[in-house]
């Protein structure tokens, strides 16, 4: 009797202890963003001055506003998420359901590409983006994206897609492998095309996989720092994103305003929380029926 009660209590204790540390961290972030100074979790004075970046630029007119930077980050994240989910779903379905020459080699290659350090490819990618920038119509001056070359939101998004696709393909293939062949065979016998089967029958059954990949892709793009820093003109450029904007508050010659840094960090966190709230239902309702269909 005692042992049966002790096991759930121990499980709750294991969950509560790490979670409490994370909750305390977010609580400190919230208190600090509205304080002049803090001692632990105690505010020594409340203020809204840390949030002045919402209505004025604290760095001068040569820097983009927080709303321009947020729009850049949102566009880049949504483009990357959309492309990664669509391409990974199509590729994962083909790798899971079809046999074709070079299939196993392609799977091995995607795994190797995912393990490859992205920092080693920064220089060649830089020259590729410079070449794309010279192509008419798509290199520069594309509305909202700026283009797909160097120092554009579209160019950074393409690089992020390239690094995220191997991971996305493996994730989606795993979900397709766990879908029963029976529904697919029935649809094919009834005359449905492969594309119709993929879109109307298989895709609705892997909503948890789509939600999981969407969240991972969105978070990766939203919090990206190295790739935007390398392939844009920097934190003062028109293609700056939130991670680069946050760097403006940190200086080696001037005292860092950590309360303002906390406010910008909290502002950057809000869209991520909203994105998770809209996708968590699909993520938690994991599909568990059927037989494995992959080979």
C-alpha atoms as a PDB file:
ATOM      1  CA  UNK A   1       0.000   0.000   0.000  1.00  0.00           C
ATOM      2  CA  UNK A   2       2.755   2.407   0.958  1.00  0.00           C
ATOM      3  CA  UNK A   3       4.768   1.491  -2.126  1.00  0.00           C
ATOM      4  CA  UNK A   4       1.797   2.141  -4.437  1.00  0.00           C
ATOM      5  CA  UNK A   5       1.425   5.652  -2.978  1.00  0.00           C
ATOM      6  CA  UNK A   6       5.153   6.324  -2.965  1.00  0.00           C
ATOM      7  CA  UNK A   7       5.635   5.758  -6.718  1.00  0.00           C
ATOM      8  CA  UNK A   8       3.199   8.513  -7.865  1.00  0.00           C
ATOM      9  CA  UNK A   9       4.599  10.901  -5.238  1.00  0.00           C
ATOM     10  CA  UNK A  10       8.135  10.257  -6.471  1.00  0.00           C
ATOM     11  CA  UNK A  11       7.044  10.799 -10.081  1.00  0.00           C
ATOM     12  CA  UNK A  12       5.412  14.132  -9.194  1.00  0.00           C
ATOM     13  CA  UNK A  13       8.532  15.162  -7.274  1.00  0.00           C
ATOM     14  CA  UNK A  14      10.755  14.421 -10.292  1.00  0.00           C
ATOM     15  CA  UNK A  15       8.474  16.582 -12.468  1.00  0.00           C
ATOM     16  CA  UNK A  16       7.982  19.446 -10.005  1.00  0.00           C
ATOM     17  CA  UNK A  17      11.629  20.073  -9.082  1.00  0.00           C
ATOM     18  CA  UNK A  18      12.956  20.762 -12.632  1.00  0.00           C
ATOM     19  CA  UNK A  19       9.729  22.559 -13.613  1.00  0.00           C
ATOM     20  CA  UNK A  20       9.909  24.880 -10.608  1.00  0.00           C
ATOM     21  CA  UNK A  21      13.367  26.043 -11.651  1.00  0.00           C
ATOM     22  CA  UNK A  22      12.081  26.917 -15.123  1.00  0.00           C
ATOM     23  CA  UNK A  23       9.005  28.680 -13.687  1.00  0.00           C
ATOM     24  CA  UNK A  24      11.201  30.711 -11.316  1.00  0.00           C
ATOM     25  CA  UNK A  25      13.364  31.732 -14.283  1.00  0.00           C
ATOM     26  CA  UNK A  26      10.363  33.040 -16.216  1.00  0.00           C
ATOM     27  CA  UNK A  27       9.028  34.735 -13.079  1.00  0.00           C
ATOM     28  CA  UNK A  28      12.368  36.531 -12.618  1.00  0.00           C
ATOM     29  CA  UNK A  29      12.267  37.585 -16.269  1.00  0.00           C
ATOM     30  CA  UNK A  30       8.772  39.049 -15.826  1.00  0.00           C
ATOM     31  CA  UNK A  31       9.627  40.942 -12.618  1.00  0.00           C
ATOM     32  CA  UNK A  32      12.935  42.248 -13.996  1.00  0.00           C
ATOM     33  CA  UNK A  33      11.329  43.606 -17.168  1.00  0.00           C
ATOM     34  CA  UNK A  34       9.099  45.903 -15.078  1.00  0.00           C
ATOM     35  CA  UNK A  35      11.694  46.895 -12.472  1.00  0.00           C
ATOM     36  CA  UNK A  36      14.488  49.426 -12.106  1.00  0.00           C
ATOM     37  CA  UNK A  37      16.479  46.955  -9.998  1.00  0.00           C
ATOM     38  CA  UNK A  38      15.851  43.548  -8.503  1.00  0.00           C
ATOM     39  CA  UNK A  39      17.245  41.461  -5.676  1.00  0.00           C
ATOM     40  CA  UNK A  40      16.374  37.887  -6.434  1.00  0.00           C
ATOM     41  CA  UNK A  41      12.630  37.924  -7.126  1.00  0.00           C
ATOM     42  CA  UNK A  42      12.064  41.184  -5.240  1.00  0.00           C
ATOM     43  CA  UNK A  43      11.605  44.385  -7.219  1.00  0.00           C
ATOM     44  CA  UNK A  44      13.265  47.531  -5.822  1.00  0.00           C
ATOM     45  CA  UNK A  45      11.152  49.834  -7.986  1.00  0.00           C
ATOM     46  CA  UNK A  46       8.545  49.386 -10.695  1.00  0.00           C
ATOM     47  CA  UNK A  47       8.810  51.114 -14.095  1.00  0.00           C
ATOM     48  CA  UNK A  48       7.640  50.920 -17.710  1.00  0.00           C
ATOM     49  CA  UNK A  49      10.828  52.531 -18.994  1.00  0.00           C
ATOM     50  CA  UNK A  50      12.292  49.144 -19.947  1.00  0.00           C
ATOM     51  CA  UNK A  51       9.506  48.769 -22.514  1.00  0.00           C
ATOM     52  CA  UNK A  52      10.090  52.092 -24.242  1.00  0.00           C
ATOM     53  CA  UNK A  53      11.416  50.223 -27.286  1.00  0.00           C
ATOM     54  CA  UNK A  54       7.749  49.530 -28.165  1.00  0.00           C
ATOM     55  CA  UNK A  55       7.064  53.185 -29.027  1.00  0.00           C
ATOM     56  CA  UNK A  56      10.503  54.643 -29.736  1.00  0.00           C
ATOM     57  CA  UNK A  57      13.877  53.462 -30.989  1.00  0.00           C
ATOM     58  CA  UNK A  58      16.397  53.513 -28.114  1.00  0.00           C
ATOM     59  CA  UNK A  59      19.372  53.379 -30.521  1.00  0.00           C
ATOM     60  CA  UNK A  60      18.675  56.193 -32.965  1.00  0.00           C
ATOM     61  CA  UNK A  61      16.935  56.573 -36.350  1.00  0.00           C
ATOM     62  CA  UNK A  62      19.560  54.522 -38.212  1.00  0.00           C
ATOM     63  CA  UNK A  63      18.314  51.373 -36.457  1.00  0.00           C
ATOM     64  CA  UNK A  64      15.034  49.677 -37.468  1.00  0.00           C
ATOM     65  CA  UNK A  65      12.103  49.766 -35.042  1.00  0.00           C
ATOM     66  CA  UNK A  66      11.120  46.761 -32.958  1.00  0.00           C
ATOM     67  CA  UNK A  67       7.996  46.291 -35.114  1.00  0.00           C
ATOM     68  CA  UNK A  68      10.008  46.155 -38.351  1.00  0.00           C
ATOM     69  CA  UNK A  69      12.382  43.657 -36.771  1.00  0.00           C
ATOM     70  CA  UNK A  70       9.474  41.577 -35.439  1.00  0.00           C
ATOM     71  CA  UNK A  71       7.853  41.509 -38.890  1.00  0.00           C
ATOM     72  CA  UNK A  72      11.156  40.368 -40.423  1.00  0.00           C
ATOM     73  CA  UNK A  73      11.472  37.589 -37.856  1.00  0.00           C
ATOM     74  CA  UNK A  74       7.854  36.498 -38.289  1.00  0.00           C
ATOM     75  CA  UNK A  75       8.072  36.404 -42.104  1.00  0.00           C
ATOM     76  CA  UNK A  76      11.326  34.438 -41.992  1.00  0.00           C
ATOM     77  CA  UNK A  77       9.943  31.957 -39.432  1.00  0.00           C
ATOM     78  CA  UNK A  78       6.649  31.386 -41.243  1.00  0.00           C
ATOM     79  CA  UNK A  79       8.318  30.930 -44.637  1.00  0.00           C
ATOM     80  CA  UNK A  80      10.798  28.448 -43.224  1.00  0.00           C
ATOM     81  CA  UNK A  81       8.080  26.536 -41.338  1.00  0.00           C
ATOM     82  CA  UNK A  82       5.787  26.338 -44.372  1.00  0.00           C
ATOM     83  CA  UNK A  83       8.489  25.153 -46.780  1.00  0.00           C
ATOM     84  CA  UNK A  84       9.976  22.650 -44.332  1.00  0.00           C
ATOM     85  CA  UNK A  85       6.582  21.114 -43.468  1.00  0.00           C
ATOM     86  CA  UNK A  86       5.411  20.828 -47.111  1.00  0.00           C
ATOM     87  CA  UNK A  87       8.689  19.483 -48.536  1.00  0.00           C
ATOM     88  CA  UNK A  88       9.306  17.157 -45.570  1.00  0.00           C
ATOM     89  CA  UNK A  89       5.766  15.765 -45.822  1.00  0.00           C
ATOM     90  CA  UNK A  90       6.100  15.016 -49.530  1.00  0.00           C
ATOM     91  CA  UNK A  91       9.591  13.569 -49.193  1.00  0.00           C
ATOM     92  CA  UNK A  92       8.794  11.614 -46.041  1.00  0.00           C
ATOM     93  CA  UNK A  93       5.745  10.064 -47.706  1.00  0.00           C
ATOM     94  CA  UNK A  94       7.764   9.001 -50.753  1.00  0.00           C
ATOM     95  CA  UNK A  95      10.529   7.490 -48.601  1.00  0.00           C
ATOM     96  CA  UNK A  96       8.039   5.667 -46.393  1.00  0.00           C
ATOM     97  CA  UNK A  97       5.652   4.318 -49.035  1.00  0.00           C
ATOM     98  CA  UNK A  98       7.595   3.939 -52.266  1.00  0.00           C
ATOM     99  CA  UNK A  99      10.584   1.858 -53.346  1.00  0.00           C
ATOM    100  CA  UNK A 100      12.896   3.495 -55.876  1.00  0.00           C
ATOM    101  CA  UNK A 101      16.614   3.265 -56.761  1.00  0.00           C
ATOM    102  CA  UNK A 102      18.817   5.166 -54.353  1.00  0.00           C
ATOM    103  CA  UNK A 103      16.196   5.306 -51.574  1.00  0.00           C
ATOM    104  CA  UNK A 104      18.447   3.965 -48.811  1.00  0.00           C
ATOM    105  CA  UNK A 105      21.345   6.085 -50.004  1.00  0.00           C
ATOM    106  CA  UNK A 106      19.152   9.182 -49.875  1.00  0.00           C
ATOM    107  CA  UNK A 107      18.081   8.340 -46.323  1.00  0.00           C
ATOM    108  CA  UNK A 108      21.703   7.948 -45.263  1.00  0.00           C
ATOM    109  CA  UNK A 109      22.626  11.210 -46.963  1.00  0.00           C
ATOM    110  CA  UNK A 110      19.912  13.168 -45.160  1.00  0.00           C
ATOM    111  CA  UNK A 111      21.129  11.790 -41.832  1.00  0.00           C
ATOM    112  CA  UNK A 112      24.714  12.811 -42.636  1.00  0.00           C
ATOM    113  CA  UNK A 113      23.572  16.291 -43.698  1.00  0.00           C
ATOM    114  CA  UNK A 114      21.697  16.733 -40.420  1.00  0.00           C
ATOM    115  CA  UNK A 115      24.828  15.806 -38.467  1.00  0.00           C
ATOM    116  CA  UNK A 116      27.021  18.171 -40.507  1.00  0.00           C
ATOM    117  CA  UNK A 117      27.960  21.323 -38.521  1.00  0.00           C
ATOM    118  CA  UNK A 118      26.307  24.325 -40.163  1.00  0.00           C
ATOM    119  CA  UNK A 119      29.200  26.622 -39.281  1.00  0.00           C
ATOM    120  CA  UNK A 120      31.490  24.807 -41.734  1.00  0.00           C
ATOM    121  CA  UNK A 121      29.204  25.769 -44.652  1.00  0.00           C
ATOM    122  CA  UNK A 122      28.800  29.475 -43.884  1.00  0.00           C
ATOM    123  CA  UNK A 123      31.479  30.694 -46.320  1.00  0.00           C
ATOM    124  CA  UNK A 124      30.310  28.721 -49.415  1.00  0.00           C
ATOM    125  CA  UNK A 125      26.681  29.629 -48.657  1.00  0.00           C
ATOM    126  CA  UNK A 126      27.734  33.283 -48.486  1.00  0.00           C
ATOM    127  CA  UNK A 127      29.075  33.128 -52.054  1.00  0.00           C
ATOM    128  CA  UNK A 128      25.931  31.296 -53.232  1.00  0.00           C
ATOM    129  CA  UNK A 129      23.716  34.047 -51.786  1.00  0.00           C
ATOM    130  CA  UNK A 130      25.883  36.719 -53.426  1.00  0.00           C
ATOM    131  CA  UNK A 131      25.368  34.943 -56.765  1.00  0.00           C
ATOM    132  CA  UNK A 132      21.593  34.671 -56.212  1.00  0.00           C
ATOM    133  CA  UNK A 133      21.446  38.398 -55.392  1.00  0.00           C
ATOM    134  CA  UNK A 134      22.538  39.143 -58.975  1.00  0.00           C
ATOM    135  CA  UNK A 135      19.638  37.202 -60.525  1.00  0.00           C
ATOM    136  CA  UNK A 136      16.896  39.549 -61.770  1.00  0.00           C
ATOM    137  CA  UNK A 137      13.437  39.444 -60.146  1.00  0.00           C
ATOM    138  CA  UNK A 138      14.310  37.009 -57.339  1.00  0.00           C
ATOM    139  CA  UNK A 139      17.671  38.269 -56.137  1.00  0.00           C
ATOM    140  CA  UNK A 140      16.530  41.676 -54.907  1.00  0.00           C
ATOM    141  CA  UNK A 141      13.472  43.878 -54.468  1.00  0.00           C
ATOM    142  CA  UNK A 142      10.931  41.138 -53.790  1.00  0.00           C
ATOM    143  CA  UNK A 143       8.032  42.579 -51.746  1.00  0.00           C
ATOM    144  CA  UNK A 144       8.130  41.721 -48.024  1.00  0.00           C
ATOM    145  CA  UNK A 145      11.000  39.234 -48.480  1.00  0.00           C
ATOM    146  CA  UNK A 146      13.547  41.620 -49.967  1.00  0.00           C
ATOM    147  CA  UNK A 147      14.664  38.806 -52.273  1.00  0.00           C
ATOM    148  CA  UNK A 148      16.486  35.493 -51.954  1.00  0.00           C
ATOM    149  CA  UNK A 149      20.090  36.693 -52.077  1.00  0.00           C
ATOM    150  CA  UNK A 150      22.493  38.080 -49.514  1.00  0.00           C
ATOM    151  CA  UNK A 151      21.098  40.498 -46.900  1.00  0.00           C
ATOM    152  CA  UNK A 152      17.457  39.549 -47.524  1.00  0.00           C
ATOM    153  CA  UNK A 153      14.820  37.863 -45.377  1.00  0.00           C
ATOM    154  CA  UNK A 154      14.112  35.343 -48.142  1.00  0.00           C
ATOM    155  CA  UNK A 155      17.793  34.422 -48.432  1.00  0.00           C
ATOM    156  CA  UNK A 156      18.121  33.781 -44.694  1.00  0.00           C
ATOM    157  CA  UNK A 157      14.904  31.733 -44.773  1.00  0.00           C
ATOM    158  CA  UNK A 158      16.245  29.556 -47.614  1.00  0.00           C
ATOM    159  CA  UNK A 159      19.439  28.841 -45.682  1.00  0.00           C
ATOM    160  CA  UNK A 160      17.408  27.940 -42.587  1.00  0.00           C
ATOM    161  CA  UNK A 161      15.232  25.625 -44.709  1.00  0.00           C
ATOM    162  CA  UNK A 162      18.292  23.849 -46.109  1.00  0.00           C
ATOM    163  CA  UNK A 163      19.627  23.103 -42.624  1.00  0.00           C
ATOM    164  CA  UNK A 164      16.236  22.055 -41.229  1.00  0.00           C
ATOM    165  CA  UNK A 165      15.028  19.797 -44.050  1.00  0.00           C
ATOM    166  CA  UNK A 166      17.078  16.657 -43.181  1.00  0.00           C
ATOM    167  CA  UNK A 167      15.654  16.674 -39.651  1.00  0.00           C
ATOM    168  CA  UNK A 168      12.132  17.336 -40.959  1.00  0.00           C
ATOM    169  CA  UNK A 169      12.302  14.497 -43.488  1.00  0.00           C
ATOM    170  CA  UNK A 170      13.290  11.948 -40.846  1.00  0.00           C
ATOM    171  CA  UNK A 171      10.578  13.181 -38.464  1.00  0.00           C
ATOM    172  CA  UNK A 172       7.830  12.949 -41.083  1.00  0.00           C
ATOM    173  CA  UNK A 173       8.996   9.569 -42.391  1.00  0.00           C
ATOM    174  CA  UNK A 174       8.687   8.184 -38.872  1.00  0.00           C
ATOM    175  CA  UNK A 175       5.068   9.350 -38.630  1.00  0.00           C
ATOM    176  CA  UNK A 176       4.211   7.984 -42.083  1.00  0.00           C
ATOM    177  CA  UNK A 177       5.728   4.625 -41.131  1.00  0.00           C
ATOM    178  CA  UNK A 178       3.203   4.308 -38.297  1.00  0.00           C
ATOM    179  CA  UNK A 179       0.149   4.818 -40.504  1.00  0.00           C
ATOM    180  CA  UNK A 180      -1.717   1.657 -41.548  1.00  0.00           C
ATOM    181  CA  UNK A 181      -1.474   0.590 -45.183  1.00  0.00           C
ATOM    182  CA  UNK A 182      -5.156  -0.495 -45.160  1.00  0.00           C
ATOM    183  CA  UNK A 183      -6.662   2.974 -45.664  1.00  0.00           C
ATOM    184  CA  UNK A 184      -4.180   3.764 -48.404  1.00  0.00           C
ATOM    185  CA  UNK A 185      -4.752   0.501 -50.267  1.00  0.00           C
ATOM    186  CA  UNK A 186      -8.516   0.983 -50.158  1.00  0.00           C
ATOM    187  CA  UNK A 187      -8.231   4.491 -51.600  1.00  0.00           C
ATOM    188  CA  UNK A 188      -5.844   3.363 -54.353  1.00  0.00           C
ATOM    189  CA  UNK A 189      -8.156   0.479 -55.287  1.00  0.00           C
ATOM    190  CA  UNK A 190     -11.038   2.972 -55.534  1.00  0.00           C
ATOM    191  CA  UNK A 191      -9.024   4.953 -58.093  1.00  0.00           C
ATOM    192  CA  UNK A 192      -7.568   7.751 -55.965  1.00  0.00           C
ATOM    193  CA  UNK A 193      -4.242   9.184 -57.097  1.00  0.00           C
ATOM    194  CA  UNK A 194      -1.130   9.129 -54.928  1.00  0.00           C
ATOM    195  CA  UNK A 195      -1.402  12.852 -54.335  1.00  0.00           C
ATOM    196  CA  UNK A 196      -5.064  12.587 -53.317  1.00  0.00           C
ATOM    197  CA  UNK A 197      -4.235   9.757 -50.927  1.00  0.00           C
ATOM    198  CA  UNK A 198      -1.402  11.811 -49.431  1.00  0.00           C
ATOM    199  CA  UNK A 199      -3.474  14.972 -49.033  1.00  0.00           C
ATOM    200  CA  UNK A 200      -6.944  13.691 -48.057  1.00  0.00           C
ATOM    201  CA  UNK A 201      -6.212  10.439 -46.208  1.00  0.00           C
ATOM    202  CA  UNK A 202      -2.664  10.312 -44.863  1.00  0.00           C
ATOM    203  CA  UNK A 203      -2.040  13.956 -43.920  1.00  0.00           C
ATOM    204  CA  UNK A 204      -5.099  14.230 -41.594  1.00  0.00           C
ATOM    205  CA  UNK A 205      -3.761  11.244 -39.664  1.00  0.00           C
ATOM    206  CA  UNK A 206      -0.350  12.759 -38.945  1.00  0.00           C
ATOM    207  CA  UNK A 207      -1.479  16.082 -37.470  1.00  0.00           C
ATOM    208  CA  UNK A 208       0.727  15.490 -34.396  1.00  0.00           C
ATOM    209  CA  UNK A 209       3.755  15.115 -36.671  1.00  0.00           C
ATOM    210  CA  UNK A 210       2.877  18.278 -38.577  1.00  0.00           C
ATOM    211  CA  UNK A 211       2.404  20.161 -35.303  1.00  0.00           C
ATOM    212  CA  UNK A 212       5.679  18.868 -33.869  1.00  0.00           C
ATOM    213  CA  UNK A 213       7.690  19.733 -36.972  1.00  0.00           C
ATOM    214  CA  UNK A 214       5.993  23.143 -37.216  1.00  0.00           C
ATOM    215  CA  UNK A 215       6.889  23.981 -33.632  1.00  0.00           C
ATOM    216  CA  UNK A 216      10.507  22.834 -33.999  1.00  0.00           C
ATOM    217  CA  UNK A 217      10.930  24.725 -37.269  1.00  0.00           C
ATOM    218  CA  UNK A 218       9.286  27.901 -35.994  1.00  0.00           C
ATOM    219  CA  UNK A 219      11.357  27.913 -32.794  1.00  0.00           C
ATOM    220  CA  UNK A 220      14.558  27.270 -34.737  1.00  0.00           C
ATOM    221  CA  UNK A 221      13.908  30.199 -37.074  1.00  0.00           C
ATOM    222  CA  UNK A 222      12.540  32.530 -34.394  1.00  0.00           C
ATOM    223  CA  UNK A 223      15.582  32.092 -32.139  1.00  0.00           C
ATOM    224  CA  UNK A 224      18.201  31.862 -34.914  1.00  0.00           C
ATOM    225  CA  UNK A 225      21.253  34.062 -34.395  1.00  0.00           C
ATOM    226  CA  UNK A 226      24.343  32.840 -36.257  1.00  0.00           C
ATOM    227  CA  UNK A 227      22.762  32.491 -39.709  1.00  0.00           C
ATOM    228  CA  UNK A 228      20.971  35.904 -39.692  1.00  0.00           C
ATOM    229  CA  UNK A 229      24.138  37.528 -38.344  1.00  0.00           C
ATOM    230  CA  UNK A 230      26.259  35.982 -41.107  1.00  0.00           C
ATOM    231  CA  UNK A 231      23.952  36.521 -44.076  1.00  0.00           C
ATOM    232  CA  UNK A 232      22.565  40.003 -43.341  1.00  0.00           C
ATOM    233  CA  UNK A 233      24.188  43.398 -42.970  1.00  0.00           C
ATOM    234  CA  UNK A 234      23.980  43.115 -39.175  1.00  0.00           C
ATOM    235  CA  UNK A 235      21.857  44.391 -36.335  1.00  0.00           C
ATOM    236  CA  UNK A 236      21.319  47.851 -37.894  1.00  0.00           C
ATOM    237  CA  UNK A 237      20.340  46.536 -41.340  1.00  0.00           C
ATOM    238  CA  UNK A 238      16.856  46.515 -42.827  1.00  0.00           C
ATOM    239  CA  UNK A 239      16.830  42.704 -42.668  1.00  0.00           C
ATOM    240  CA  UNK A 240      17.668  42.497 -38.941  1.00  0.00           C
ATOM    241  CA  UNK A 241      15.747  40.010 -36.784  1.00  0.00           C
ATOM    242  CA  UNK A 242      14.933  39.955 -33.073  1.00  0.00           C
ATOM    243  CA  UNK A 243      18.036  38.035 -32.026  1.00  0.00           C
ATOM    244  CA  UNK A 244      20.215  40.705 -33.656  1.00  0.00           C
ATOM    245  CA  UNK A 245      18.064  43.523 -32.247  1.00  0.00           C
ATOM    246  CA  UNK A 246      18.617  42.153 -28.742  1.00  0.00           C
ATOM    247  CA  UNK A 247      22.359  42.384 -29.296  1.00  0.00           C
ATOM    248  CA  UNK A 248      22.058  46.187 -29.538  1.00  0.00           C
ATOM    249  CA  UNK A 249      21.504  46.360 -25.774  1.00  0.00           C
ATOM    250  CA  UNK A 250      24.783  44.570 -25.041  1.00  0.00           C
ATOM    251  CA  UNK A 251      27.952  46.626 -25.389  1.00  0.00           C
ATOM    252  CA  UNK A 252      31.560  46.272 -24.288  1.00  0.00           C
ATOM    253  CA  UNK A 253      32.004  50.017 -23.708  1.00  0.00           C
ATOM    254  CA  UNK A 254      28.643  50.935 -22.096  1.00  0.00           C
ATOM    255  CA  UNK A 255      26.942  49.312 -19.119  1.00  0.00           C
ATOM    256  CA  UNK A 256      24.349  46.811 -20.298  1.00  0.00           C
ATOM    257  CA  UNK A 257      20.723  47.572 -19.383  1.00  0.00           C
ATOM    258  CA  UNK A 258      19.797  44.092 -18.260  1.00  0.00           C
ATOM    259  CA  UNK A 259      16.262  45.125 -17.348  1.00  0.00           C
ATOM    260  CA  UNK A 260      15.705  46.263 -20.943  1.00  0.00           C
ATOM    261  CA  UNK A 261      17.272  43.018 -22.180  1.00  0.00           C
ATOM    262  CA  UNK A 262      14.767  41.099 -20.023  1.00  0.00           C
ATOM    263  CA  UNK A 263      11.894  43.140 -21.502  1.00  0.00           C
ATOM    264  CA  UNK A 264      12.977  42.444 -25.103  1.00  0.00           C
ATOM    265  CA  UNK A 265      13.491  38.777 -24.228  1.00  0.00           C
ATOM    266  CA  UNK A 266       9.977  38.593 -22.798  1.00  0.00           C
ATOM    267  CA  UNK A 267       8.618  40.342 -25.896  1.00  0.00           C
ATOM    268  CA  UNK A 268      10.401  37.798 -28.100  1.00  0.00           C
ATOM    269  CA  UNK A 269       8.887  34.968 -26.053  1.00  0.00           C
ATOM    270  CA  UNK A 270       5.224  35.983 -26.542  1.00  0.00           C
ATOM    271  CA  UNK A 271       4.782  34.834 -30.202  1.00  0.00           C
ATOM    272  CA  UNK A 272       6.402  31.490 -29.368  1.00  0.00           C
ATOM    273  CA  UNK A 273       3.900  30.891 -26.548  1.00  0.00           C
ATOM    274  CA  UNK A 274       0.986  31.867 -28.815  1.00  0.00           C
ATOM    275  CA  UNK A 275       2.254  29.566 -31.577  1.00  0.00           C
ATOM    276  CA  UNK A 276       2.478  26.660 -29.126  1.00  0.00           C
ATOM    277  CA  UNK A 277      -1.023  27.331 -27.738  1.00  0.00           C
ATOM    278  CA  UNK A 278      -2.523  27.100 -31.238  1.00  0.00           C
ATOM    279  CA  UNK A 279      -0.723  23.826 -32.050  1.00  0.00           C
ATOM    280  CA  UNK A 280      -0.586  21.976 -28.724  1.00  0.00           C
ATOM    281  CA  UNK A 281      -3.916  20.162 -29.201  1.00  0.00           C
ATOM    282  CA  UNK A 282      -2.713  18.505 -32.404  1.00  0.00           C
ATOM    283  CA  UNK A 283       0.665  17.827 -30.818  1.00  0.00           C
ATOM    284  CA  UNK A 284      -0.743  16.082 -27.753  1.00  0.00           C
ATOM    285  CA  UNK A 285      -3.288  13.938 -29.622  1.00  0.00           C
ATOM    286  CA  UNK A 286      -0.650  11.526 -30.912  1.00  0.00           C
ATOM    287  CA  UNK A 287      -1.875   8.970 -33.429  1.00  0.00           C
ATOM    288  CA  UNK A 288      -1.212   5.475 -32.114  1.00  0.00           C
ATOM    289  CA  UNK A 289      -3.332   3.116 -34.212  1.00  0.00           C
ATOM    290  CA  UNK A 290      -2.608   0.968 -37.235  1.00  0.00           C
ATOM    291  CA  UNK A 291       0.310  -1.105 -38.342  1.00  0.00           C
ATOM    292  CA  UNK A 292       3.689   0.040 -39.498  1.00  0.00           C
ATOM    293  CA  UNK A 293       3.652   0.794 -43.205  1.00  0.00           C
ATOM    294  CA  UNK A 294       7.296   1.648 -43.796  1.00  0.00           C
ATOM    295  CA  UNK A 295       9.963  -0.740 -44.938  1.00  0.00           C
END
